[in-house]
Amino acid sequence: MNWTFLLAAEAGGLFDFDATLPLMAIQFVVFAAILNAVFYKPLGKALDERNDYVLSASTTAKERLAQAEKLADQYEQDLAATRRQAQQIVVAAQEEAQKLSAQQVAEAQQVAQAQREQTQQELDAQKQAALSALEQQVSSLSQALLDKLLSVAA
């Protein structure tokens, strides 16, 4: 058998296993190393940095959201407490106004009652004075009438 045809292929064939194959393999490895050093490592580093930045930004955003929710809850509680206090103040002011109004009405009624009693006393005094004056006039007229009747009869 002739093994020479396997070792020495014709030049320009599909697979030439001469010195170009190892040279191409070395070029490929060198080119891959250069690409790794120049492009892939910086690109990987940039991607890792971006990933770290996104994670830290996400964590920071979650913390800020939690703080904002906590503040919103606290503000809602403060607002509710303030509304309750305002409602209590309004109720107290209404009660105070009702008490003051009731007191003023009572005072006005007392003043009106006192004036009515005073007016009634004045009317009673005038009535008594008028009755006394009428009694005196009646007695003087009675005396005058009696005198006239006696003078006519005598």
N, C-alpha and C. Protein backbone atom coordinates (compact mmCIF):
# COMPACT_ATOMS: atom_id res chain seq x y z
N MET A 1 0.80 -1.16 0.00
CA MET A 1 0.00 0.00 0.00
C MET A 1 0.85 1.24 0.00
N ASN A 2 0.29 2.15 -0.58
CA ASN A 2 1.04 3.38 -0.75
C ASN A 2 0.46 4.43 0.17
N TRP A 3 1.24 4.73 1.19
CA TRP A 3 0.77 5.71 2.18
C TRP A 3 1.20 7.12 1.82
N THR A 4 1.84 7.26 0.83
CA THR A 4 2.35 8.58 0.48
C THR A 4 1.23 9.51 0.06
N PHE A 5 0.22 8.99 -0.45
CA PHE A 5 -0.85 9.89 -0.88
C PHE A 5 -1.57 10.52 0.31
N LEU A 6 -1.51 9.84 1.46
CA LEU A 6 -2.14 10.41 2.65
C LEU A 6 -1.29 11.51 3.25
N LEU A 7 0.02 11.35 3.19
CA LEU A 7 0.89 12.33 3.81
C LEU A 7 1.09 13.54 2.93
N ALA A 8 1.12 13.35 1.71
CA ALA A 8 1.39 14.47 0.84
C ALA A 8 0.20 14.65 -0.06
N ALA A 9 -0.63 15.54 0.30
CA ALA A 9 -1.78 15.82 -0.53
C ALA A 9 -1.36 16.78 -1.60
N GLU A 10 -2.11 16.80 -2.57
CA GLU A 10 -1.76 17.69 -3.65
C GLU A 10 -1.93 19.13 -3.18
N ALA A 11 -1.14 19.99 -3.67
CA ALA A 11 -1.19 21.39 -3.29
C ALA A 11 -2.48 22.00 -3.82
N GLY A 12 -3.08 22.82 -2.97
CA GLY A 12 -4.29 23.50 -3.38
C GLY A 12 -5.52 22.67 -3.15
N GLY A 13 -5.42 21.58 -2.41
CA GLY A 13 -6.58 20.75 -2.13
C GLY A 13 -7.44 21.38 -1.03
N LEU A 14 -8.45 20.68 -0.69
CA LEU A 14 -9.38 21.17 0.31
C LEU A 14 -8.72 21.28 1.67
N PHE A 15 -7.96 20.28 2.09
CA PHE A 15 -7.28 20.31 3.37
C PHE A 15 -5.80 20.14 3.14
N ASP A 16 -5.07 21.19 3.32
CA ASP A 16 -3.61 21.12 3.26
C ASP A 16 -3.12 21.08 4.68
N PHE A 17 -2.47 19.97 5.07
CA PHE A 17 -1.95 19.84 6.41
C PHE A 17 -0.48 20.19 6.46
N ASP A 18 -0.11 21.23 5.86
CA ASP A 18 1.29 21.64 5.92
C ASP A 18 1.44 22.66 7.04
N ALA A 19 2.37 23.56 6.96
CA ALA A 19 2.69 24.49 8.04
C ALA A 19 1.65 25.57 8.23
N THR A 20 0.72 25.75 7.33
CA THR A 20 -0.27 26.82 7.47
C THR A 20 -1.31 26.51 8.55
N LEU A 21 -1.59 25.22 8.77
CA LEU A 21 -2.60 24.88 9.78
C LEU A 21 -2.14 25.27 11.18
N PRO A 22 -0.93 24.90 11.61
CA PRO A 22 -0.50 25.35 12.93
C PRO A 22 -0.36 26.87 13.00
N LEU A 23 0.07 27.46 11.92
CA LEU A 23 0.21 28.92 11.88
C LEU A 23 -1.16 29.59 12.04
N MET A 24 -2.17 29.06 11.38
CA MET A 24 -3.52 29.61 11.49
C MET A 24 -4.06 29.39 12.91
N ALA A 25 -3.75 28.22 13.50
CA ALA A 25 -4.19 27.95 14.87
C ALA A 25 -3.54 28.92 15.84
N ILE A 26 -2.25 29.18 15.65
CA ILE A 26 -1.53 30.14 16.51
C ILE A 26 -2.10 31.53 16.32
N GLN A 27 -2.38 31.92 15.08
CA GLN A 27 -2.97 33.23 14.82
C GLN A 27 -4.34 33.36 15.48
N PHE A 28 -5.11 32.30 15.39
CA PHE A 28 -6.44 32.32 16.01
C PHE A 28 -6.34 32.50 17.52
N VAL A 29 -5.44 31.75 18.16
CA VAL A 29 -5.26 31.85 19.61
C VAL A 29 -4.76 33.23 19.99
N VAL A 30 -3.79 33.77 19.22
CA VAL A 30 -3.26 35.11 19.51
C VAL A 30 -4.35 36.15 19.31
N PHE A 31 -5.10 36.00 18.23
CA PHE A 31 -6.18 36.95 17.96
C PHE A 31 -7.26 36.88 19.05
N ALA A 32 -7.58 35.68 19.50
CA ALA A 32 -8.56 35.51 20.58
C ALA A 32 -8.03 36.12 21.86
N ALA A 33 -6.75 35.96 22.16
CA ALA A 33 -6.15 36.55 23.36
C ALA A 33 -6.18 38.07 23.27
N ILE A 34 -5.85 38.60 22.09
CA ILE A 34 -5.86 40.06 21.91
C ILE A 34 -7.29 40.59 22.06
N LEU A 35 -8.25 39.91 21.42
CA LEU A 35 -9.64 40.34 21.57
C LEU A 35 -10.09 40.27 23.02
N ASN A 36 -9.69 39.21 23.70
CA ASN A 36 -10.06 39.06 25.11
C ASN A 36 -9.47 40.20 25.93
N ALA A 37 -8.22 40.53 25.69
CA ALA A 37 -7.55 41.58 26.46
C ALA A 37 -8.08 42.97 26.10
N VAL A 38 -8.32 43.20 24.83
CA VAL A 38 -8.68 44.55 24.37
C VAL A 38 -10.18 44.79 24.46
N PHE A 39 -11.00 43.83 24.09
CA PHE A 39 -12.43 44.07 24.01
C PHE A 39 -13.25 43.36 25.07
N TYR A 40 -13.07 42.08 25.23
CA TYR A 40 -13.97 41.30 26.08
C TYR A 40 -13.83 41.62 27.56
N LYS A 41 -12.59 41.75 28.07
CA LYS A 41 -12.42 42.08 29.49
C LYS A 41 -12.99 43.47 29.80
N PRO A 42 -12.65 44.53 29.03
CA PRO A 42 -13.25 45.84 29.32
C PRO A 42 -14.78 45.83 29.16
N LEU A 43 -15.24 45.09 28.15
CA LEU A 43 -16.68 45.01 27.96
C LEU A 43 -17.33 44.26 29.12
N GLY A 44 -16.73 43.17 29.55
CA GLY A 44 -17.23 42.42 30.71
C GLY A 44 -17.18 43.27 31.96
N LYS A 45 -16.08 44.02 32.11
CA LYS A 45 -15.95 44.90 33.28
C LYS A 45 -17.04 45.97 33.24
N ALA A 46 -17.26 46.55 32.06
CA ALA A 46 -18.30 47.57 31.93
C ALA A 46 -19.68 46.99 32.22
N LEU A 47 -19.93 45.78 31.75
CA LEU A 47 -21.20 45.13 32.02
C LEU A 47 -21.36 44.82 33.51
N ASP A 48 -20.28 44.36 34.14
CA ASP A 48 -20.33 44.10 35.58
C ASP A 48 -20.57 45.38 36.37
N GLU A 49 -19.87 46.46 35.97
CA GLU A 49 -20.06 47.75 36.64
C GLU A 49 -21.49 48.24 36.46
N ARG A 50 -22.00 48.09 35.24
CA ARG A 50 -23.38 48.51 34.96
C ARG A 50 -24.34 47.66 35.79
N ASN A 51 -24.10 46.39 35.88
CA ASN A 51 -24.95 45.51 36.67
C ASN A 51 -24.90 45.91 38.16
N ASP A 52 -23.68 46.19 38.66
CA ASP A 52 -23.54 46.64 40.05
C ASP A 52 -24.27 47.96 40.26
N TYR A 53 -24.14 48.88 39.28
CA TYR A 53 -24.82 50.18 39.38
C TYR A 53 -26.33 49.99 39.39
N VAL A 54 -26.84 49.15 38.52
CA VAL A 54 -28.28 48.90 38.46
C VAL A 54 -28.76 48.27 39.77
N LEU A 55 -27.99 47.31 40.30
CA LEU A 55 -28.38 46.69 41.58
C LEU A 55 -28.36 47.69 42.72
N SER A 56 -27.30 48.52 42.76
CA SER A 56 -27.24 49.52 43.84
C SER A 56 -28.33 50.57 43.68
N ALA A 57 -28.59 50.97 42.43
CA ALA A 57 -29.66 51.94 42.20
C ALA A 57 -31.01 51.33 42.56
N SER A 58 -31.19 50.07 42.24
CA SER A 58 -32.45 49.39 42.59
C SER A 58 -32.59 49.30 44.10
N THR A 59 -31.52 48.95 44.79
CA THR A 59 -31.56 48.85 46.25
C THR A 59 -31.84 50.22 46.87
N THR A 60 -31.15 51.24 46.35
CA THR A 60 -31.37 52.60 46.85
C THR A 60 -32.81 53.04 46.59
N ALA A 61 -33.31 52.71 45.41
CA ALA A 61 -34.69 53.09 45.08
C ALA A 61 -35.68 52.37 46.00
N LYS A 62 -35.43 51.10 46.29
CA LYS A 62 -36.32 50.37 47.18
C LYS A 62 -36.28 50.97 48.58
N GLU A 63 -35.08 51.34 49.05
CA GLU A 63 -34.95 51.96 50.37
C GLU A 63 -35.69 53.29 50.41
N ARG A 64 -35.51 54.09 49.35
CA ARG A 64 -36.19 55.39 49.31
C ARG A 64 -37.69 55.21 49.22
N LEU A 65 -38.13 54.21 48.45
CA LEU A 65 -39.57 53.94 48.37
C LEU A 65 -40.11 53.53 49.72
N ALA A 66 -39.36 52.69 50.44
CA ALA A 66 -39.79 52.28 51.78
C ALA A 66 -39.85 53.50 52.71
N GLN A 67 -38.85 54.38 52.62
CA GLN A 67 -38.86 55.59 53.45
C GLN A 67 -40.04 56.48 53.07
N ALA A 68 -40.28 56.61 51.76
CA ALA A 68 -41.40 57.45 51.31
C ALA A 68 -42.73 56.88 51.79
N GLU A 69 -42.89 55.57 51.72
CA GLU A 69 -44.12 54.96 52.21
C GLU A 69 -44.26 55.15 53.71
N LYS A 70 -43.14 55.02 54.42
CA LYS A 70 -43.16 55.22 55.87
C LYS A 70 -43.55 56.66 56.20
N LEU A 71 -42.95 57.62 55.48
CA LEU A 71 -43.29 59.03 55.70
C LEU A 71 -44.75 59.30 55.33
N ALA A 72 -45.21 58.70 54.24
CA ALA A 72 -46.61 58.89 53.84
C ALA A 72 -47.54 58.35 54.91
N ASP A 73 -47.23 57.18 55.46
CA ASP A 73 -48.05 56.63 56.54
C ASP A 73 -48.03 57.55 57.76
N GLN A 74 -46.84 58.04 58.10
CA GLN A 74 -46.73 58.94 59.25
C GLN A 74 -47.52 60.22 59.00
N TYR A 75 -47.41 60.77 57.77
CA TYR A 75 -48.16 61.98 57.46
C TYR A 75 -49.66 61.73 57.50
N GLU A 76 -50.09 60.56 57.04
CA GLU A 76 -51.51 60.24 57.11
C GLU A 76 -51.97 60.13 58.56
N GLN A 77 -51.14 59.53 59.41
CA GLN A 77 -51.50 59.42 60.82
C GLN A 77 -51.53 60.82 61.46
N ASP A 78 -50.54 61.64 61.13
CA ASP A 78 -50.52 63.01 61.65
C ASP A 78 -51.74 63.79 61.17
N LEU A 79 -52.08 63.60 59.90
CA LEU A 79 -53.24 64.29 59.33
C LEU A 79 -54.52 63.84 60.02
N ALA A 80 -54.63 62.54 60.25
CA ALA A 80 -55.81 62.02 60.95
C ALA A 80 -55.88 62.58 62.37
N ALA A 81 -54.74 62.62 63.05
CA ALA A 81 -54.71 63.17 64.42
C ALA A 81 -55.08 64.66 64.40
N THR A 82 -54.55 65.38 63.43
CA THR A 82 -54.86 66.81 63.32
C THR A 82 -56.34 67.01 63.02
N ARG A 83 -56.90 66.16 62.16
CA ARG A 83 -58.33 66.28 61.87
C ARG A 83 -59.16 65.99 63.12
N ARG A 84 -58.74 64.98 63.89
CA ARG A 84 -59.46 64.69 65.13
C ARG A 84 -59.39 65.88 66.08
N GLN A 85 -58.19 66.46 66.21
CA GLN A 85 -58.04 67.62 67.09
C GLN A 85 -58.89 68.78 66.60
N ALA A 86 -58.89 69.00 65.28
CA ALA A 86 -59.69 70.09 64.73
C ALA A 86 -61.17 69.84 64.99
N GLN A 87 -61.59 68.59 64.83
CA GLN A 87 -62.99 68.26 65.11
C GLN A 87 -63.32 68.49 66.58
N GLN A 88 -62.39 68.11 67.47
CA GLN A 88 -62.61 68.34 68.90
C GLN A 88 -62.68 69.83 69.21
N ILE A 89 -61.83 70.60 68.55
CA ILE A 89 -61.85 72.05 68.76
C ILE A 89 -63.17 72.63 68.28
N VAL A 90 -63.65 72.16 67.13
CA VAL A 90 -64.92 72.66 66.60
C VAL A 90 -66.06 72.29 67.54
N VAL A 91 -66.06 71.04 68.03
CA VAL A 91 -67.12 70.60 68.95
C VAL A 91 -67.05 71.42 70.24
N ALA A 92 -65.85 71.63 70.76
CA ALA A 92 -65.71 72.43 71.98
C ALA A 92 -66.18 73.87 71.75
N ALA A 93 -65.85 74.43 70.60
CA ALA A 93 -66.28 75.80 70.29
C ALA A 93 -67.81 75.85 70.16
N GLN A 94 -68.40 74.82 69.55
CA GLN A 94 -69.86 74.80 69.44
C GLN A 94 -70.51 74.69 70.81
N GLU A 95 -69.96 73.83 71.66
CA GLU A 95 -70.50 73.69 73.01
C GLU A 95 -70.37 75.00 73.78
N GLU A 96 -69.21 75.63 73.65
CA GLU A 96 -68.98 76.92 74.33
C GLU A 96 -69.96 77.97 73.82
N ALA A 97 -70.16 77.97 72.50
CA ALA A 97 -71.10 78.94 71.91
C ALA A 97 -72.52 78.66 72.39
N GLN A 98 -72.90 77.38 72.50
CA GLN A 98 -74.23 77.04 72.99
C GLN A 98 -74.39 77.45 74.45
N LYS A 99 -73.35 77.18 75.25
CA LYS A 99 -73.40 77.58 76.66
C LYS A 99 -73.53 79.09 76.77
N LEU A 100 -72.71 79.82 76.00
CA LEU A 100 -72.75 81.28 76.04
C LEU A 100 -74.10 81.79 75.58
N SER A 101 -74.61 81.18 74.52
CA SER A 101 -75.93 81.58 74.01
C SER A 101 -77.01 81.30 75.04
N ALA A 102 -76.97 80.12 75.65
CA ALA A 102 -77.96 79.78 76.68
C ALA A 102 -77.85 80.73 77.87
N GLN A 103 -76.62 81.08 78.23
CA GLN A 103 -76.41 82.00 79.35
C GLN A 103 -76.97 83.38 79.00
N GLN A 104 -76.69 83.84 77.80
CA GLN A 104 -77.19 85.15 77.39
C GLN A 104 -78.72 85.16 77.30
N VAL A 105 -79.28 84.04 76.81
CA VAL A 105 -80.74 83.95 76.74
C VAL A 105 -81.31 83.98 78.15
N ALA A 106 -80.68 83.23 79.07
CA ALA A 106 -81.16 83.21 80.46
C ALA A 106 -81.06 84.60 81.08
N GLU A 107 -79.95 85.28 80.83
CA GLU A 107 -79.79 86.64 81.36
C GLU A 107 -80.84 87.58 80.77
N ALA A 108 -81.08 87.43 79.46
CA ALA A 108 -82.08 88.28 78.82
C ALA A 108 -83.47 87.99 79.38
N GLN A 109 -83.76 86.71 79.64
CA GLN A 109 -85.05 86.35 80.23
C GLN A 109 -85.17 86.93 81.64
N GLN A 110 -84.07 86.87 82.41
CA GLN A 110 -84.09 87.43 83.76
C GLN A 110 -84.33 88.93 83.71
N VAL A 111 -83.64 89.60 82.77
CA VAL A 111 -83.81 91.05 82.64
C VAL A 111 -85.25 91.36 82.23
N ALA A 112 -85.77 90.57 81.27
CA ALA A 112 -87.15 90.79 80.83
C ALA A 112 -88.12 90.53 81.99
N GLN A 113 -87.89 89.47 82.77
CA GLN A 113 -88.75 89.16 83.92
C GLN A 113 -88.68 90.30 84.94
N ALA A 114 -87.45 90.78 85.19
CA ALA A 114 -87.30 91.87 86.15
C ALA A 114 -88.02 93.12 85.66
N GLN A 115 -87.91 93.43 84.37
CA GLN A 115 -88.59 94.60 83.83
C GLN A 115 -90.10 94.42 83.89
N ARG A 116 -90.56 93.20 83.60
CA ARG A 116 -91.99 92.93 83.66
C ARG A 116 -92.50 93.09 85.09
N GLU A 117 -91.74 92.57 86.06
CA GLU A 117 -92.14 92.70 87.45
C GLU A 117 -92.12 94.17 87.90
N GLN A 118 -91.09 94.89 87.45
CA GLN A 118 -91.00 96.31 87.80
C GLN A 118 -92.17 97.07 87.19
N THR A 119 -92.48 96.74 85.93
CA THR A 119 -93.59 97.41 85.26
C THR A 119 -94.89 97.07 85.97
N GLN A 120 -95.04 95.79 86.37
CA GLN A 120 -96.25 95.36 87.09
C GLN A 120 -96.35 96.10 88.42
N GLN A 121 -95.23 96.27 89.11
CA GLN A 121 -95.25 96.99 90.39
C GLN A 121 -95.62 98.46 90.16
N GLU A 122 -95.06 99.05 89.09
CA GLU A 122 -95.40 100.44 88.79
C GLU A 122 -96.88 100.58 88.47
N LEU A 123 -97.39 99.60 87.68
CA LEU A 123 -98.81 99.64 87.35
C LEU A 123 -99.67 99.46 88.60
N ASP A 124 -99.24 98.53 89.46
CA ASP A 124 -99.97 98.33 90.71
C ASP A 124 -99.93 99.60 91.57
N ALA A 125 -98.77 100.25 91.61
CA ALA A 125 -98.66 101.49 92.40
C ALA A 125 -99.54 102.58 91.80
N GLN A 126 -99.54 102.68 90.47
CA GLN A 126 -100.39 103.69 89.82
C GLN A 126 -101.87 103.36 90.04
N LYS A 127 -102.18 102.05 90.03
CA LYS A 127 -103.56 101.63 90.27
C LYS A 127 -103.99 102.01 91.68
N GLN A 128 -103.10 101.73 92.63
CA GLN A 128 -103.39 102.07 94.02
C GLN A 128 -103.54 103.58 94.17
N ALA A 129 -102.62 104.31 93.48
CA ALA A 129 -102.71 105.78 93.57
C ALA A 129 -104.02 106.27 92.96
N ALA A 130 -104.37 105.66 91.82
CA ALA A 130 -105.62 106.06 91.16
C ALA A 130 -106.81 105.69 92.03
N LEU A 131 -106.79 104.50 92.64
CA LEU A 131 -107.89 104.09 93.52
C LEU A 131 -107.98 105.01 94.74
N SER A 132 -106.82 105.38 95.29
CA SER A 132 -106.82 106.30 96.45
C SER A 132 -107.39 107.64 96.04
N ALA A 133 -106.95 108.10 94.85
CA ALA A 133 -107.48 109.39 94.39
C ALA A 133 -108.98 109.29 94.13
N LEU A 134 -109.42 108.18 93.59
CA LEU A 134 -110.85 108.01 93.34
C LEU A 134 -111.62 107.90 94.66
N GLU A 135 -111.01 107.20 95.63
CA GLU A 135 -111.68 107.09 96.92
C GLU A 135 -111.84 108.47 97.56
N GLN A 136 -110.81 109.29 97.46
CA GLN A 136 -110.89 110.62 98.03
C GLN A 136 -111.95 111.45 97.29
N GLN A 137 -111.95 111.30 95.97
CA GLN A 137 -112.94 112.06 95.19
C GLN A 137 -114.36 111.54 95.50
N VAL A 138 -114.45 110.18 95.64
CA VAL A 138 -115.76 109.60 95.94
C VAL A 138 -116.21 110.09 97.33
N SER A 139 -115.30 110.07 98.29
CA SER A 139 -115.69 110.51 99.63
C SER A 139 -116.01 112.02 99.63
N SER A 140 -115.25 112.82 98.91
CA SER A 140 -115.56 114.26 98.88
C SER A 140 -116.85 114.52 98.12
N LEU A 141 -117.09 113.76 97.05
CA LEU A 141 -118.33 113.91 96.31
C LEU A 141 -119.51 113.40 97.17
N SER A 142 -119.26 112.29 97.88
CA SER A 142 -120.31 111.76 98.76
C SER A 142 -120.64 112.79 99.85
N GLN A 143 -119.64 113.40 100.41
CA GLN A 143 -119.84 114.41 101.45
C GLN A 143 -120.58 115.62 100.86
N ALA A 144 -120.16 116.00 99.65
CA ALA A 144 -120.81 117.15 99.01
C ALA A 144 -122.25 116.81 98.69
N LEU A 145 -122.48 115.61 98.25
CA LEU A 145 -123.85 115.18 97.92
C LEU A 145 -124.69 115.11 99.22
N LEU A 146 -124.07 114.58 100.25
CA LEU A 146 -124.76 114.48 101.53
C LEU A 146 -125.09 115.89 102.08
N ASP A 147 -124.15 116.78 101.94
CA ASP A 147 -124.37 118.16 102.39
C ASP A 147 -125.50 118.80 101.59
N LYS A 148 -125.55 118.59 100.34
CA LYS A 148 -126.58 119.15 99.50
C LYS A 148 -127.93 118.53 99.84
N LEU A 149 -127.92 117.24 100.10
CA LEU A 149 -129.18 116.59 100.43
C LEU A 149 -129.67 117.08 101.82
N LEU A 150 -128.78 117.29 102.71
CA LEU A 150 -129.16 117.77 104.03
C LEU A 150 -129.59 119.24 103.95
N SER A 151 -128.95 119.99 103.14
CA SER A 151 -129.35 121.39 103.01
C SER A 151 -130.67 121.51 102.26
N VAL A 152 -130.99 120.63 101.45
CA VAL A 152 -132.26 120.65 100.73
C VAL A 152 -133.33 120.13 101.70
N ALA A 153 -133.04 119.23 102.52
CA ALA A 153 -134.01 118.67 103.41
C ALA A 153 -134.20 119.63 104.61
N ALA A 154 -133.29 120.42 104.86
CA ALA A 154 -133.48 121.26 106.01
C ALA A 154 -134.08 122.53 105.62
